[in-house]
Structures are given as C-alpha cells and as structure tokens.
Amino acid sequence: NVLTSFNLIYDVHLPIVVSWRGHDGNDAVEH
C-alpha cells in the first residue's frame, strides 16, 4: 500500500531487493 502511494501519488520510485522465502514450498507455512 505504501509503495502504491509512493508511485501513484508522490511519484517516488524505489529499487527494492527482496528475499524469496517459501518459493519452493519448503519453508514455514506463512512464508
């Protein structure tokens, strides 16, 4: 939601690095 506001309302764009926990289905259920 914050990123959407930054992009659409304030025209602030960010480069973001994100970990991909749970991509293979072998992590904690919430991940």
PDB file of all heavy atoms in Angstrom:
ATOM      1  N   ASN A   1       0.831  -1.201   0.000  1.00  0.00           N
ATOM      2  CA  ASN A   1       0.000   0.000   0.000  1.00  0.00           C
ATOM      3  C   ASN A   1       0.869   1.254   0.000  1.00  0.00           C
ATOM      4  O   ASN A   1       0.595   2.214  -0.722  1.00  0.00           O
ATOM      5  CB  ASN A   1      -0.950   0.001   1.199  1.00  0.00           C
ATOM      6  CG  ASN A   1      -1.929   1.144   1.125  1.00  0.00           C
ATOM      7  OD1 ASN A   1      -2.571   1.354   0.103  1.00  0.00           O
ATOM      8  ND2 ASN A   1      -2.037   1.893   2.210  1.00  0.00           N
ATOM      9  N   VAL A   2       1.919   1.260   0.795  1.00  0.00           N
ATOM     10  CA  VAL A   2       2.829   2.405   0.848  1.00  0.00           C
ATOM     11  C   VAL A   2       3.516   2.590  -0.502  1.00  0.00           C
ATOM     12  O   VAL A   2       3.630   3.708  -1.014  1.00  0.00           O
ATOM     13  CB  VAL A   2       3.877   2.217   1.965  1.00  0.00           C
ATOM     14  CG1 VAL A   2       4.933   3.295   1.914  1.00  0.00           C
ATOM     15  CG2 VAL A   2       3.193   2.190   3.323  1.00  0.00           C
ATOM     16  N   LEU A   3       3.979   1.488  -1.103  1.00  0.00           N
ATOM     17  CA  LEU A   3       4.638   1.582  -2.408  1.00  0.00           C
ATOM     18  C   LEU A   3       3.696   2.131  -3.463  1.00  0.00           C
ATOM     19  O   LEU A   3       4.091   2.930  -4.305  1.00  0.00           O
ATOM     20  CB  LEU A   3       5.172   0.215  -2.839  1.00  0.00           C
ATOM     21  CG  LEU A   3       6.338  -0.321  -2.024  1.00  0.00           C
ATOM     22  CD1 LEU A   3       6.677  -1.742  -2.456  1.00  0.00           C
ATOM     23  CD2 LEU A   3       7.539   0.590  -2.149  1.00  0.00           C
ATOM     24  N   THR A   4       2.438   1.708  -3.415  1.00  0.00           N
ATOM     25  CA  THR A   4       1.449   2.217  -4.361  1.00  0.00           C
ATOM     26  C   THR A   4       1.274   3.720  -4.185  1.00  0.00           C
ATOM     27  O   THR A   4       1.228   4.474  -5.159  1.00  0.00           O
ATOM     28  CB  THR A   4       0.104   1.495  -4.177  1.00  0.00           C
ATOM     29  OG1 THR A   4       0.316   0.100  -4.382  1.00  0.00           O
ATOM     30  CG2 THR A   4      -0.937   1.992  -5.153  1.00  0.00           C
ATOM     31  N   SER A   5       1.207   4.184  -2.943  1.00  0.00           N
ATOM     32  CA  SER A   5       1.088   5.620  -2.689  1.00  0.00           C
ATOM     33  C   SER A   5       2.324   6.365  -3.174  1.00  0.00           C
ATOM     34  O   SER A   5       2.210   7.414  -3.815  1.00  0.00           O
ATOM     35  CB  SER A   5       0.895   5.884  -1.191  1.00  0.00           C
ATOM     36  OG  SER A   5      -0.320   5.341  -0.749  1.00  0.00           O
ATOM     37  N   PHE A   6       3.500   5.834  -2.864  1.00  0.00           N
ATOM     38  CA  PHE A   6       4.730   6.471  -3.335  1.00  0.00           C
ATOM     39  C   PHE A   6       4.729   6.603  -4.851  1.00  0.00           C
ATOM     40  O   PHE A   6       5.057   7.657  -5.394  1.00  0.00           O
ATOM     41  CB  PHE A   6       5.961   5.662  -2.915  1.00  0.00           C
ATOM     42  CG  PHE A   6       6.466   5.925  -1.526  1.00  0.00           C
ATOM     43  CD1 PHE A   6       7.523   5.189  -1.027  1.00  0.00           C
ATOM     44  CD2 PHE A   6       5.901   6.888  -0.709  1.00  0.00           C
ATOM     45  CE1 PHE A   6       8.011   5.414   0.246  1.00  0.00           C
ATOM     46  CE2 PHE A   6       6.368   7.120   0.567  1.00  0.00           C
ATOM     47  CZ  PHE A   6       7.431   6.382   1.046  1.00  0.00           C
ATOM     48  N   ASN A   7       4.349   5.534  -5.543  1.00  0.00           N
ATOM     49  CA  ASN A   7       4.385   5.527  -7.011  1.00  0.00           C
ATOM     50  C   ASN A   7       3.329   6.435  -7.623  1.00  0.00           C
ATOM     51  O   ASN A   7       3.637   7.263  -8.477  1.00  0.00           O
ATOM     52  CB  ASN A   7       4.177   4.113  -7.550  1.00  0.00           C
ATOM     53  CG  ASN A   7       5.370   3.221  -7.316  1.00  0.00           C
ATOM     54  OD1 ASN A   7       6.489   3.675  -7.253  1.00  0.00           O
ATOM     55  ND2 ASN A   7       5.114   1.943  -7.188  1.00  0.00           N
ATOM     56  N   LEU A   8       2.088   6.279  -7.209  1.00  0.00           N
ATOM     57  CA  LEU A   8       0.979   6.952  -7.877  1.00  0.00           C
ATOM     58  C   LEU A   8       0.744   8.381  -7.399  1.00  0.00           C
ATOM     59  O   LEU A   8       0.397   9.246  -8.193  1.00  0.00           O
ATOM     60  CB  LEU A   8      -0.303   6.139  -7.709  1.00  0.00           C
ATOM     61  CG  LEU A   8      -0.277   4.741  -8.335  1.00  0.00           C
ATOM     62  CD1 LEU A   8      -1.564   3.989  -8.005  1.00  0.00           C
ATOM     63  CD2 LEU A   8      -0.068   4.826  -9.831  1.00  0.00           C
ATOM     64  N   ILE A   9       0.902   8.627  -6.131  1.00  0.00           N
ATOM     65  CA  ILE A   9       0.571   9.937  -5.583  1.00  0.00           C
ATOM     66  C   ILE A   9       1.788  10.861  -5.545  1.00  0.00           C
ATOM     67  O   ILE A   9       1.717  12.015  -5.956  1.00  0.00           O
ATOM     68  CB  ILE A   9      -0.034   9.801  -4.174  1.00  0.00           C
ATOM     69  CG1 ILE A   9      -1.343   9.013  -4.255  1.00  0.00           C
ATOM     70  CG2 ILE A   9      -0.254  11.169  -3.536  1.00  0.00           C
ATOM     71  CD1 ILE A   9      -1.909   8.606  -2.921  1.00  0.00           C
ATOM     72  N   TYR A  10       2.907  10.322  -5.070  1.00  0.00           N
ATOM     73  CA  TYR A  10       4.082  11.165  -4.841  1.00  0.00           C
ATOM     74  C   TYR A  10       5.157  11.034  -5.916  1.00  0.00           C
ATOM     75  O   TYR A  10       6.158  11.744  -5.873  1.00  0.00           O
ATOM     76  CB  TYR A  10       4.684  10.865  -3.470  1.00  0.00           C
ATOM     77  CG  TYR A  10       3.690  11.095  -2.357  1.00  0.00           C
ATOM     78  CD1 TYR A  10       3.150  10.027  -1.656  1.00  0.00           C
ATOM     79  CD2 TYR A  10       3.263  12.382  -2.036  1.00  0.00           C
ATOM     80  CE1 TYR A  10       2.226  10.236  -0.642  1.00  0.00           C
ATOM     81  CE2 TYR A  10       2.340  12.597  -1.028  1.00  0.00           C
ATOM     82  CZ  TYR A  10       1.825  11.519  -0.333  1.00  0.00           C
ATOM     83  OH  TYR A  10       0.904  11.724   0.652  1.00  0.00           O
ATOM     84  N   ASP A  11       4.965  10.129  -6.863  1.00  0.00           N
ATOM     85  CA  ASP A  11       5.915   9.917  -7.958  1.00  0.00           C
ATOM     86  C   ASP A  11       7.320   9.599  -7.433  1.00  0.00           C
ATOM     87  O   ASP A  11       8.324  10.062  -7.960  1.00  0.00           O
ATOM     88  CB  ASP A  11       5.935  11.128  -8.892  1.00  0.00           C
ATOM     89  CG  ASP A  11       6.482  10.782 -10.267  1.00  0.00           C
ATOM     90  OD1 ASP A  11       6.313   9.622 -10.707  1.00  0.00           O
ATOM     91  OD2 ASP A  11       7.095  11.659 -10.900  1.00  0.00           O
ATOM     92  N   VAL A  12       7.378   8.797  -6.372  1.00  0.00           N
ATOM     93  CA  VAL A  12       8.635   8.328  -5.792  1.00  0.00           C
ATOM     94  C   VAL A  12       8.771   6.861  -6.149  1.00  0.00           C
ATOM     95  O   VAL A  12       7.881   6.063  -5.860  1.00  0.00           O
ATOM     96  CB  VAL A  12       8.658   8.504  -4.257  1.00  0.00           C
ATOM     97  CG1 VAL A  12       9.897   7.869  -3.652  1.00  0.00           C
ATOM     98  CG2 VAL A  12       8.542   9.972  -3.888  1.00  0.00           C
ATOM     99  N   HIS A  13       9.869   6.501  -6.792  1.00  0.00           N
ATOM    100  CA  HIS A  13      10.077   5.134  -7.259  1.00  0.00           C
ATOM    101  C   HIS A  13      11.356   4.581  -6.653  1.00  0.00           C
ATOM    102  O   HIS A  13      12.365   5.278  -6.581  1.00  0.00           O
ATOM    103  CB  HIS A  13      10.140   5.116  -8.781  1.00  0.00           C
ATOM    104  CG  HIS A  13       8.956   5.790  -9.394  1.00  0.00           C
ATOM    105  ND1 HIS A  13       7.718   5.208  -9.434  1.00  0.00           N
ATOM    106  CD2 HIS A  13       8.815   7.020  -9.938  1.00  0.00           C
ATOM    107  CE1 HIS A  13       6.865   6.037 -10.007  1.00  0.00           C
ATOM    108  NE2 HIS A  13       7.505   7.147 -10.316  1.00  0.00           N
ATOM    109  N   LEU A  14      11.295   3.331  -6.221  1.00  0.00           N
ATOM    110  CA  LEU A  14      12.393   2.742  -5.470  1.00  0.00           C
ATOM    111  C   LEU A  14      12.920   1.466  -6.115  1.00  0.00           C
ATOM    112  O   LEU A  14      12.133   0.670  -6.620  1.00  0.00           O
ATOM    113  CB  LEU A  14      11.906   2.386  -4.057  1.00  0.00           C
ATOM    114  CG  LEU A  14      11.237   3.500  -3.268  1.00  0.00           C
ATOM    115  CD1 LEU A  14      10.546   2.933  -2.044  1.00  0.00           C
ATOM    116  CD2 LEU A  14      12.265   4.530  -2.880  1.00  0.00           C
ATOM    117  N   PRO A  15      14.213   1.248  -6.062  1.00  0.00           N
ATOM    118  CA  PRO A  15      14.751  -0.072  -6.382  1.00  0.00           C
ATOM    119  C   PRO A  15      14.716  -0.901  -5.094  1.00  0.00           C
ATOM    120  O   PRO A  15      15.191  -0.451  -4.048  1.00  0.00           O
ATOM    121  CB  PRO A  15      16.187   0.227  -6.818  1.00  0.00           C
ATOM    122  CG  PRO A  15      16.547   1.461  -6.061  1.00  0.00           C
ATOM    123  CD  PRO A  15      15.270   2.239  -5.877  1.00  0.00           C
ATOM    124  N   ILE A  16      14.128  -2.076  -5.151  1.00  0.00           N
ATOM    125  CA  ILE A  16      13.947  -2.874  -3.942  1.00  0.00           C
ATOM    126  C   ILE A  16      14.541  -4.269  -4.154  1.00  0.00           C
ATOM    127  O   ILE A  16      14.289  -4.895  -5.186  1.00  0.00           O
ATOM    128  CB  ILE A  16      12.454  -2.998  -3.588  1.00  0.00           C
ATOM    129  CG1 ILE A  16      11.847  -1.609  -3.367  1.00  0.00           C
ATOM    130  CG2 ILE A  16      12.253  -3.871  -2.358  1.00  0.00           C
ATOM    131  CD1 ILE A  16      10.344  -1.623  -3.185  1.00  0.00           C
ATOM    132  N   VAL A  17      15.292  -4.738  -3.176  1.00  0.00           N
ATOM    133  CA  VAL A  17      15.813  -6.104  -3.180  1.00  0.00           C
ATOM    134  C   VAL A  17      15.013  -6.892  -2.143  1.00  0.00           C
ATOM    135  O   VAL A  17      14.905  -6.473  -0.992  1.00  0.00           O
ATOM    136  CB  VAL A  17      17.320  -6.130  -2.839  1.00  0.00           C
ATOM    137  CG1 VAL A  17      17.829  -7.568  -2.807  1.00  0.00           C
ATOM    138  CG2 VAL A  17      18.108  -5.298  -3.848  1.00  0.00           C
ATOM    139  N   VAL A  18      14.435  -8.013  -2.592  1.00  0.00           N
ATOM    140  CA  VAL A  18      13.530  -8.792  -1.748  1.00  0.00           C
ATOM    141  C   VAL A  18      13.989 -10.246  -1.698  1.00  0.00           C
ATOM    142  O   VAL A  18      14.296 -10.835  -2.739  1.00  0.00           O
ATOM    143  CB  VAL A  18      12.083  -8.732  -2.314  1.00  0.00           C
ATOM    144  CG1 VAL A  18      11.152  -9.638  -1.536  1.00  0.00           C
ATOM    145  CG2 VAL A  18      11.562  -7.310  -2.292  1.00  0.00           C
ATOM    146  N   SER A  19      13.993 -10.818  -0.503  1.00  0.00           N
ATOM    147  CA  SER A  19      14.276 -12.247  -0.381  1.00  0.00           C
ATOM    148  C   SER A  19      13.037 -13.033  -0.821  1.00  0.00           C
ATOM    149  O   SER A  19      11.919 -12.538  -0.738  1.00  0.00           O
ATOM    150  CB  SER A  19      14.625 -12.602   1.067  1.00  0.00           C
ATOM    151  OG  SER A  19      13.482 -12.443   1.901  1.00  0.00           O
ATOM    152  N   TRP A  20      13.263 -14.265  -1.287  1.00  0.00           N
ATOM    153  CA  TRP A  20      12.135 -15.075  -1.763  1.00  0.00           C
ATOM    154  C   TRP A  20      11.999 -16.322  -0.915  1.00  0.00           C
ATOM    155  O   TRP A  20      12.231 -17.433  -1.355  1.00  0.00           O
ATOM    156  CB  TRP A  20      12.337 -15.434  -3.219  1.00  0.00           C
ATOM    157  CG  TRP A  20      11.078 -15.859  -3.920  1.00  0.00           C
ATOM    158  CD1 TRP A  20       9.835 -15.997  -3.375  1.00  0.00           C
ATOM    159  CD2 TRP A  20      10.933 -16.204  -5.293  1.00  0.00           C
ATOM    160  NE1 TRP A  20       8.927 -16.380  -4.318  1.00  0.00           N
ATOM    161  CE2 TRP A  20       9.594 -16.516  -5.511  1.00  0.00           C
ATOM    162  CE3 TRP A  20      11.822 -16.263  -6.352  1.00  0.00           C
ATOM    163  CZ2 TRP A  20       9.109 -16.898  -6.754  1.00  0.00           C
ATOM    164  CZ3 TRP A  20      11.338 -16.638  -7.583  1.00  0.00           C
ATOM    165  CH2 TRP A  20       9.993 -16.953  -7.779  1.00  0.00           C
ATOM    166  N   ARG A  21      11.616 -16.129   0.325  1.00  0.00           N
ATOM    167  CA  ARG A  21      11.391 -17.261   1.212  1.00  0.00           C
ATOM    168  C   ARG A  21      10.120 -17.978   0.791  1.00  0.00           C
ATOM    169  O   ARG A  21       9.143 -17.358   0.395  1.00  0.00           O
ATOM    170  CB  ARG A  21      11.275 -16.792   2.652  1.00  0.00           C
ATOM    171  CG  ARG A  21      12.583 -16.221   3.162  1.00  0.00           C
ATOM    172  CD  ARG A  21      12.572 -16.000   4.627  1.00  0.00           C
ATOM    173  NE  ARG A  21      12.363 -17.260   5.339  1.00  0.00           N
ATOM    174  CZ  ARG A  21      12.242 -17.328   6.659  1.00  0.00           C
ATOM    175  NH1 ARG A  21      12.295 -16.235   7.382  1.00  0.00           N
ATOM    176  NH2 ARG A  21      12.059 -18.485   7.257  1.00  0.00           N
ATOM    177  N   GLY A  22      10.132 -19.286   0.869  1.00  0.00           N
ATOM    178  CA  GLY A  22       8.946 -20.078   0.577  1.00  0.00           C
ATOM    179  C   GLY A  22       8.670 -20.312  -0.885  1.00  0.00           C
ATOM    180  O   GLY A  22       7.642 -20.890  -1.228  1.00  0.00           O
ATOM    181  N   HIS A  23       9.556 -19.903  -1.774  1.00  0.00           N
ATOM    182  CA  HIS A  23       9.292 -20.074  -3.207  1.00  0.00           C
ATOM    183  C   HIS A  23       9.201 -21.535  -3.610  1.00  0.00           C
ATOM    184  O   HIS A  23       8.543 -21.868  -4.590  1.00  0.00           O
ATOM    185  CB  HIS A  23      10.356 -19.365  -4.051  1.00  0.00           C
ATOM    186  CG  HIS A  23      11.706 -19.987  -3.966  1.00  0.00           C
ATOM    187  ND1 HIS A  23      12.112 -20.974  -4.811  1.00  0.00           N
ATOM    188  CD2 HIS A  23      12.720 -19.762  -3.108  1.00  0.00           C
ATOM    189  CE1 HIS A  23      13.338 -21.341  -4.490  1.00  0.00           C
ATOM    190  NE2 HIS A  23      13.730 -20.607  -3.454  1.00  0.00           N
ATOM    191  N   ASP A  24       9.851 -22.408  -2.846  1.00  0.00           N
ATOM    192  CA  ASP A  24       9.859 -23.825  -3.199  1.00  0.00           C
ATOM    193  C   ASP A  24       8.906 -24.652  -2.341  1.00  0.00           C
ATOM    194  O   ASP A  24       8.855 -25.869  -2.465  1.00  0.00           O
ATOM    195  CB  ASP A  24      11.279 -24.385  -3.100  1.00  0.00           C
ATOM    196  CG  ASP A  24      11.879 -24.206  -1.711  1.00  0.00           C
ATOM    197  OD1 ASP A  24      11.196 -23.682  -0.805  1.00  0.00           O
ATOM    198  OD2 ASP A  24      13.053 -24.591  -1.533  1.00  0.00           O
ATOM    199  N   GLY A  25       8.148 -23.998  -1.456  1.00  0.00           N
ATOM    200  CA  GLY A  25       7.189 -24.702  -0.612  1.00  0.00           C
ATOM    201  C   GLY A  25       7.817 -25.459   0.540  1.00  0.00           C
ATOM    202  O   GLY A  25       7.156 -26.280   1.171  1.00  0.00           O
ATOM    203  N   ASN A  26       9.078 -25.174   0.842  1.00  0.00           N
ATOM    204  CA  ASN A  26       9.772 -25.882   1.921  1.00  0.00           C
ATOM    205  C   ASN A  26      10.197 -24.949   3.037  1.00  0.00           C
ATOM    206  O   ASN A  26      11.290 -25.054   3.563  1.00  0.00           O
ATOM    207  CB  ASN A  26      11.011 -26.602   1.362  1.00  0.00           C
ATOM    208  CG  ASN A  26      10.638 -27.751   0.463  1.00  0.00           C
ATOM    209  OD1 ASN A  26       9.690 -28.469   0.732  1.00  0.00           O
ATOM    210  ND2 ASN A  26      11.381 -27.918  -0.616  1.00  0.00           N
ATOM    211  N   ASP A  27       9.345 -24.025   3.402  1.00  0.00           N
ATOM    212  CA  ASP A  27       9.663 -23.054   4.450  1.00  0.00           C
ATOM    213  C   ASP A  27       8.530 -23.095   5.468  1.00  0.00           C
ATOM    214  O   ASP A  27       7.610 -23.915   5.360  1.00  0.00           O
ATOM    215  CB  ASP A  27       9.793 -21.656   3.830  1.00  0.00           C
ATOM    216  CG  ASP A  27      10.714 -20.738   4.624  1.00  0.00           C
ATOM    217  OD1 ASP A  27      10.660 -20.769   5.868  1.00  0.00           O
ATOM    218  OD2 ASP A  27      11.483 -19.994   3.997  1.00  0.00           O
ATOM    219  N   ALA A  28       8.562 -22.207   6.420  1.00  0.00           N
ATOM    220  CA  ALA A  28       7.448 -22.086   7.355  1.00  0.00           C
ATOM    221  C   ALA A  28       6.189 -21.743   6.563  1.00  0.00           C
ATOM    222  O   ALA A  28       6.257 -21.048   5.551  1.00  0.00           O
ATOM    223  CB  ALA A  28       7.752 -20.996   8.384  1.00  0.00           C
ATOM    224  N   VAL A  29       5.070 -22.239   7.005  1.00  0.00           N
ATOM    225  CA  VAL A  29       3.832 -22.125   6.228  1.00  0.00           C
ATOM    226  C   VAL A  29       3.497 -20.681   5.859  1.00  0.00           C
ATOM    227  O   VAL A  29       3.020 -20.411   4.758  1.00  0.00           O
ATOM    228  CB  VAL A  29       2.665 -22.823   6.956  1.00  0.00           C
ATOM    229  CG1 VAL A  29       2.240 -22.049   8.193  1.00  0.00           C
ATOM    230  CG2 VAL A  29       1.500 -23.039   6.012  1.00  0.00           C
ATOM    231  N   GLU A  30       3.772 -19.735   6.756  1.00  0.00           N
ATOM    232  CA  GLU A  30       3.461 -18.332   6.443  1.00  0.00           C
ATOM    233  C   GLU A  30       4.347 -17.796   5.326  1.00  0.00           C
ATOM    234  O   GLU A  30       3.950 -16.905   4.588  1.00  0.00           O
ATOM    235  CB  GLU A  30       3.558 -17.446   7.689  1.00  0.00           C
ATOM    236  CG  GLU A  30       4.940 -17.273   8.259  1.00  0.00           C
ATOM    237  CD  GLU A  30       5.363 -18.349   9.257  1.00  0.00           C
ATOM    238  OE1 GLU A  30       4.710 -19.410   9.326  1.00  0.00           O
ATOM    239  OE2 GLU A  30       6.364 -18.124   9.955  1.00  0.00           O
ATOM    240  N   HIS A  31       5.535 -18.346   5.174  1.00  0.00           N
ATOM    241  CA  HIS A  31       6.412 -17.938   4.072  1.00  0.00           C
ATOM    242  C   HIS A  31       6.040 -18.655   2.776  1.00  0.00           C
ATOM    243  O   HIS A  31       6.219 -18.099   1.691  1.00  0.00           O
ATOM    244  CB  HIS A  31       7.879 -18.196   4.413  1.00  0.00           C
ATOM    245  CG  HIS A  31       8.352 -17.427   5.599  1.00  0.00           C
ATOM    246  ND1 HIS A  31       8.412 -16.055   5.605  1.00  0.00           N
ATOM    247  CD2 HIS A  31       8.758 -17.833   6.814  1.00  0.00           C
ATOM    248  CE1 HIS A  31       8.852 -15.647   6.792  1.00  0.00           C
ATOM    249  NE2 HIS A  31       9.062 -16.704   7.533  1.00  0.00           N
TER     250      HIS A  31
END
